[in-house]
Amino acid sequence: MTVVGVWQKSREFVHSFHDEISGPQRPQLAFREVVVLLVTAILLVVYFYFGKASYFTERIRPGLLESGAFTGKDPMWFGLSSYVYWAAASLFLRFVIPLAVIVVVFRESPTHWGFGLGSLRHAWLYLSLFAAMVPILTLASLDPAFQDKYPFYKAASDGGQVFWLYEVCYGLQFLALESFFRGFLLFGLYQRFGHYAVFIMVVPYCMVHFGKPMPETLGAIAAGIILGTLALKSGSIYLGALLHWGVGLTMDLLASPNIKF
């Protein structure tokens, strides 16, 4: 085929593609969905590169030590500082910014996006889920892969004050996580996509688990669907955040059999 022939075929393909997507069946995304998806994508990128505890450990803390702004004389706070940063960055990127977008850009009440207390009549479902998770967590804690992964801050395995301070940071991170995925992203898409929004939300939620043990990453798919459905039913993300923290806390305890209080 000549160069002219290739060019003509390419033009025909582009025009046919344009006609197809411009037809009457083309899905129309509203301003709300475009903003929610773009903000979600941007915040996922910023969090991945700048929001993790490892970023503070590798990039920020050395500069603070060199400048004398952070001495590191207290071993407990020296180690915990990375996780305090992690909790603060999570809250800012995954809770504060989405909340600001809801209020300032959309001019809507956060309670319509899962940020209200919602209904407590579904609390028994969350308790049932936690009870069902305990035996699964117990079995998982016997796996060396889980023992190596949890708790993230290994010094927390020593117990005492350092354990609970770390768990507070961990809990705040879960609050931010739930508000981002089960609040901003899910409720932001629900108006347009209905319950299909749950499955859209699950895709990036599963991906943020990459690097963890594979059973947990696969389990995140089921967990995302269940927590997303319950968030829509209850109208709130807070019970989901509490459940998520309870599961994380239990996993840390089970993965640290020699912990002392």
Protein backbone atom coordinates (compact mmCIF):
# COMPACT_ATOMS: atom_id res chain seq x y z
CA MET A 1 0.00 0.00 0.00
CA THR A 2 1.33 3.44 -0.93
CA VAL A 3 1.84 6.30 1.47
CA VAL A 4 -1.23 8.00 -0.03
CA GLY A 5 -3.27 4.83 0.52
CA VAL A 6 -2.19 4.63 4.16
CA TRP A 7 -3.09 8.28 4.66
CA GLN A 8 -6.55 7.82 3.14
CA LYS A 9 -7.24 4.73 5.27
CA SER A 10 -6.15 6.62 8.36
CA ARG A 11 -8.47 9.52 7.54
CA GLU A 12 -11.37 7.14 7.00
CA PHE A 13 -10.72 5.46 10.35
CA VAL A 14 -10.52 8.77 12.22
CA HIS A 15 -13.73 10.03 10.64
CA SER A 16 -15.61 6.80 11.31
CA PHE A 17 -14.42 6.85 14.94
CA HIS A 18 -15.47 10.46 15.32
CA ASP A 19 -18.91 9.73 13.88
CA GLU A 20 -19.31 6.79 16.25
CA ILE A 21 -18.53 8.70 19.44
CA SER A 22 -20.48 11.75 18.28
CA GLY A 23 -23.69 9.82 17.66
CA PRO A 24 -26.88 10.10 19.69
CA GLN A 25 -25.80 7.27 22.03
CA ARG A 26 -22.68 9.06 23.20
CA PRO A 27 -22.64 9.21 27.04
CA GLN A 28 -22.77 12.73 28.36
CA LEU A 29 -20.58 13.42 31.39
CA ALA A 30 -21.74 16.32 33.50
CA PHE A 31 -19.49 18.90 35.17
CA ARG A 32 -19.83 17.11 38.52
CA GLU A 33 -18.48 13.76 37.28
CA VAL A 34 -15.63 15.33 35.30
CA VAL A 35 -14.43 17.31 38.32
CA VAL A 36 -14.76 14.33 40.69
CA LEU A 37 -12.79 12.02 38.37
CA LEU A 38 -10.08 14.59 37.62
CA VAL A 39 -9.65 15.58 41.28
CA THR A 40 -9.52 11.89 42.24
CA ALA A 41 -6.82 11.16 39.66
CA ILE A 42 -4.73 14.19 40.68
CA LEU A 43 -4.98 13.44 44.40
CA LEU A 44 -4.07 9.78 43.83
CA VAL A 45 -0.89 10.90 42.07
CA VAL A 46 0.03 13.52 44.69
CA TYR A 47 -0.61 11.08 47.53
CA PHE A 48 1.45 8.33 45.88
CA TYR A 49 4.50 10.55 45.42
CA PHE A 50 4.29 12.90 48.41
CA GLY A 51 1.82 11.54 50.97
CA LYS A 52 3.38 8.34 52.23
CA ALA A 53 5.44 7.82 55.36
CA SER A 54 8.41 6.78 53.20
CA TYR A 55 8.47 10.23 51.56
CA PHE A 56 8.91 11.90 54.95
CA THR A 57 11.58 9.38 55.98
CA GLU A 58 13.59 9.68 52.77
CA ARG A 59 13.08 13.28 51.68
CA ILE A 60 11.86 15.53 54.50
CA ARG A 61 13.35 14.19 57.73
CA PRO A 62 17.00 14.27 56.53
CA GLY A 63 16.62 17.99 55.76
CA LEU A 64 15.03 18.66 59.14
CA LEU A 65 17.85 16.82 60.89
CA GLU A 66 20.47 18.74 58.94
CA SER A 67 18.88 22.10 59.72
CA GLY A 68 18.52 21.27 63.40
CA ALA A 69 14.74 21.73 63.28
CA PHE A 70 14.35 18.08 64.23
CA THR A 71 16.93 16.53 66.56
CA GLY A 72 15.69 12.97 66.71
CA LYS A 73 16.83 12.68 70.34
CA ASP A 74 13.57 11.05 71.37
CA PRO A 75 13.61 7.61 69.68
CA MET A 76 9.84 7.19 69.99
CA TRP A 77 8.94 10.43 68.25
CA PHE A 78 11.79 10.03 65.77
CA GLY A 79 10.24 6.82 64.48
CA LEU A 80 6.64 7.97 64.80
CA SER A 81 7.26 11.22 62.94
CA SER A 82 6.92 9.47 59.58
CA TYR A 83 3.50 8.14 60.52
CA VAL A 84 2.34 11.44 61.96
CA TYR A 85 3.24 12.95 58.58
CA TRP A 86 1.39 10.09 56.84
CA ALA A 87 -1.77 10.71 58.86
CA ALA A 88 -1.59 14.49 58.31
CA ALA A 89 -0.95 14.16 54.57
CA SER A 90 -3.78 11.62 54.26
CA LEU A 91 -6.23 13.91 56.07
CA PHE A 92 -5.25 16.92 53.97
CA LEU A 93 -5.23 15.20 50.57
CA ARG A 94 -8.08 12.74 51.09
CA PHE A 95 -10.39 14.55 53.51
CA VAL A 96 -9.82 18.31 53.54
CA ILE A 97 -9.33 18.89 49.80
CA PRO A 98 -12.32 16.74 48.71
CA LEU A 99 -14.44 18.48 51.36
CA ALA A 100 -13.32 21.86 50.03
CA VAL A 101 -14.23 20.82 46.46
CA ILE A 102 -17.70 19.77 47.62
CA VAL A 103 -18.34 23.04 49.48
CA VAL A 104 -16.53 25.58 47.26
CA VAL A 105 -16.83 24.10 43.74
CA PHE A 106 -20.14 22.22 43.93
CA ARG A 107 -21.66 24.38 46.69
CA GLU A 108 -23.32 21.34 48.21
CA SER A 109 -23.70 20.07 51.75
CA PRO A 110 -21.04 17.48 52.71
CA THR A 111 -23.80 15.46 54.38
CA HIS A 112 -25.05 14.55 50.89
CA TRP A 113 -21.62 13.07 50.13
CA GLY A 114 -21.40 10.70 53.09
CA PHE A 115 -19.79 13.18 55.49
CA GLY A 116 -22.78 13.23 57.83
CA LEU A 117 -23.52 10.81 60.65
CA GLY A 118 -26.16 9.09 58.54
CA SER A 119 -28.31 6.29 59.90
CA LEU A 120 -27.13 4.01 62.69
CA ARG A 121 -29.65 1.30 61.88
CA HIS A 122 -27.02 -0.45 59.77
CA ALA A 123 -24.48 -0.52 62.60
CA TRP A 124 -25.22 -4.20 63.24
CA LEU A 125 -24.05 -5.01 59.71
CA TYR A 126 -20.68 -3.38 60.38
CA LEU A 127 -20.37 -5.29 63.66
CA SER A 128 -21.26 -8.52 61.88
CA LEU A 129 -18.61 -7.85 59.25
CA PHE A 130 -16.01 -7.26 61.93
CA ALA A 131 -16.96 -10.50 63.71
CA ALA A 132 -16.70 -12.37 60.40
CA MET A 133 -13.26 -10.86 59.75
CA VAL A 134 -11.69 -11.93 63.06
CA PRO A 135 -11.15 -15.61 62.13
CA ILE A 136 -9.89 -14.57 58.68
CA LEU A 137 -7.44 -12.14 60.27
CA THR A 138 -6.34 -14.81 62.73
CA LEU A 139 -5.45 -17.19 59.89
CA ALA A 140 -3.78 -14.42 57.89
CA SER A 141 -1.64 -13.43 60.87
CA LEU A 142 0.02 -16.86 60.71
CA ASP A 143 1.34 -16.07 57.23
CA PRO A 144 4.93 -14.72 57.32
CA ALA A 145 4.02 -12.24 54.56
CA PHE A 146 1.46 -10.60 56.86
CA GLN A 147 3.79 -10.76 59.86
CA ASP A 148 6.47 -8.95 57.84
CA LYS A 149 3.99 -6.29 56.68
CA TYR A 150 2.15 -5.47 59.91
CA PRO A 151 2.32 -3.27 61.78
CA PHE A 152 3.89 -0.87 59.28
CA TYR A 153 5.83 0.75 62.12
CA LYS A 154 7.73 -2.20 63.54
CA ALA A 155 8.51 -0.47 66.84
CA ALA A 156 4.77 -0.49 67.54
CA SER A 157 5.12 -4.24 68.12
CA ASP A 158 6.84 -3.37 71.41
CA GLY A 159 3.48 -2.17 72.73
CA GLY A 160 2.88 0.56 75.28
CA GLN A 161 2.42 4.19 74.41
CA VAL A 162 4.15 3.94 71.05
CA PHE A 163 1.65 1.32 69.88
CA TRP A 164 -1.40 3.44 70.67
CA LEU A 165 0.11 6.62 69.25
CA TYR A 166 0.83 4.76 66.03
CA GLU A 167 -2.70 3.31 65.96
CA VAL A 168 -4.20 6.80 66.29
CA CYS A 169 -2.23 7.81 63.19
CA TYR A 170 -3.38 4.61 61.52
CA GLY A 171 -7.00 5.34 62.40
CA LEU A 172 -6.85 8.89 61.03
CA GLN A 173 -5.44 7.49 57.80
CA PHE A 174 -8.43 5.12 57.58
CA LEU A 175 -10.82 8.02 58.12
CA ALA A 176 -9.18 9.85 55.22
CA LEU A 177 -9.21 6.70 53.07
CA GLU A 178 -12.93 6.08 53.59
CA SER A 179 -13.87 9.72 53.06
CA PHE A 180 -11.96 9.75 49.77
CA PHE A 181 -13.14 6.49 48.20
CA ARG A 182 -16.48 5.81 49.91
CA GLY A 183 -17.33 9.49 50.25
CA PHE A 184 -16.03 11.87 47.60
CA LEU A 185 -15.55 9.41 44.73
CA LEU A 186 -18.54 7.15 45.40
CA PHE A 187 -21.17 9.77 46.22
CA GLY A 188 -19.76 12.05 43.52
CA LEU A 189 -20.48 9.43 40.84
CA TYR A 190 -23.64 7.92 42.33
CA GLN A 191 -25.96 10.61 40.99
CA ARG A 192 -24.94 9.75 37.42
CA PHE A 193 -24.10 6.05 37.56
CA GLY A 194 -26.26 4.75 40.41
CA HIS A 195 -24.93 1.61 42.08
CA TYR A 196 -22.46 1.13 39.22
CA ALA A 197 -20.49 3.87 40.99
CA VAL A 198 -19.52 1.25 43.59
CA PHE A 199 -17.69 -0.80 40.96
CA ILE A 200 -16.04 2.26 39.43
CA MET A 201 -14.75 3.23 42.89
CA VAL A 202 -13.42 -0.30 43.53
CA VAL A 203 -10.92 -0.13 40.65
CA PRO A 204 -8.63 2.60 42.07
CA TYR A 205 -9.31 1.35 45.61
CA CYS A 206 -7.96 -2.08 44.70
CA MET A 207 -4.93 -0.53 42.98
CA VAL A 208 -3.84 1.41 46.08
CA HIS A 209 -3.32 -2.01 47.72
CA PHE A 210 -0.65 -3.01 45.20
CA GLY A 211 2.49 -3.97 47.10
CA LYS A 212 0.58 -5.62 49.93
CA PRO A 213 0.14 -9.41 50.19
CA MET A 214 -1.94 -10.67 47.24
CA PRO A 215 -4.78 -12.11 49.38
CA GLU A 216 -5.28 -8.67 50.92
CA THR A 217 -5.25 -6.96 47.52
CA LEU A 218 -7.85 -9.38 46.19
CA GLY A 219 -9.84 -9.00 49.39
CA ALA A 220 -9.88 -5.23 48.82
CA ILE A 221 -12.18 -5.80 45.84
CA ALA A 222 -14.81 -7.51 47.98
CA ALA A 223 -14.26 -5.08 50.86
CA GLY A 224 -14.65 -2.09 48.55
CA ILE A 225 -17.94 -3.40 47.16
CA ILE A 226 -19.34 -4.19 50.61
CA LEU A 227 -18.20 -0.94 52.24
CA GLY A 228 -19.35 1.10 49.25
CA THR A 229 -22.81 -0.48 49.32
CA LEU A 230 -23.11 0.07 53.07
CA ALA A 231 -21.94 3.68 52.76
CA LEU A 232 -24.72 4.35 50.26
CA LYS A 233 -27.29 2.63 52.47
CA SER A 234 -26.26 4.38 55.67
CA GLY A 235 -25.44 7.69 54.01
CA SER A 236 -22.18 7.95 55.95
CA ILE A 237 -18.53 6.92 55.74
CA TYR A 238 -17.82 6.99 59.48
CA LEU A 239 -18.91 3.49 60.46
CA GLY A 240 -16.88 2.17 57.54
CA ALA A 241 -13.85 4.09 58.79
CA LEU A 242 -14.35 2.65 62.27
CA LEU A 243 -14.67 -0.88 60.86
CA HIS A 244 -11.58 -0.41 58.71
CA TRP A 245 -9.58 0.83 61.68
CA GLY A 246 -10.84 -2.04 63.83
CA VAL A 247 -9.68 -4.56 61.24
CA GLY A 248 -6.29 -2.84 60.93
CA LEU A 249 -5.85 -2.66 64.70
CA THR A 250 -6.77 -6.34 65.08
CA MET A 251 -4.33 -7.32 62.34
CA ASP A 252 -1.53 -5.41 64.06
CA LEU A 253 -2.29 -7.09 67.37
CA LEU A 254 -2.44 -10.58 65.88
CA ALA A 255 0.76 -10.04 63.85
CA SER A 256 2.57 -9.03 67.04
CA PRO A 257 2.11 -12.06 69.34
CA ASN A 258 4.80 -10.86 71.77
CA ILE A 259 3.37 -7.37 72.22
CA LYS A 260 3.29 -6.09 75.79
CA PHE A 261 1.13 -3.39 77.35
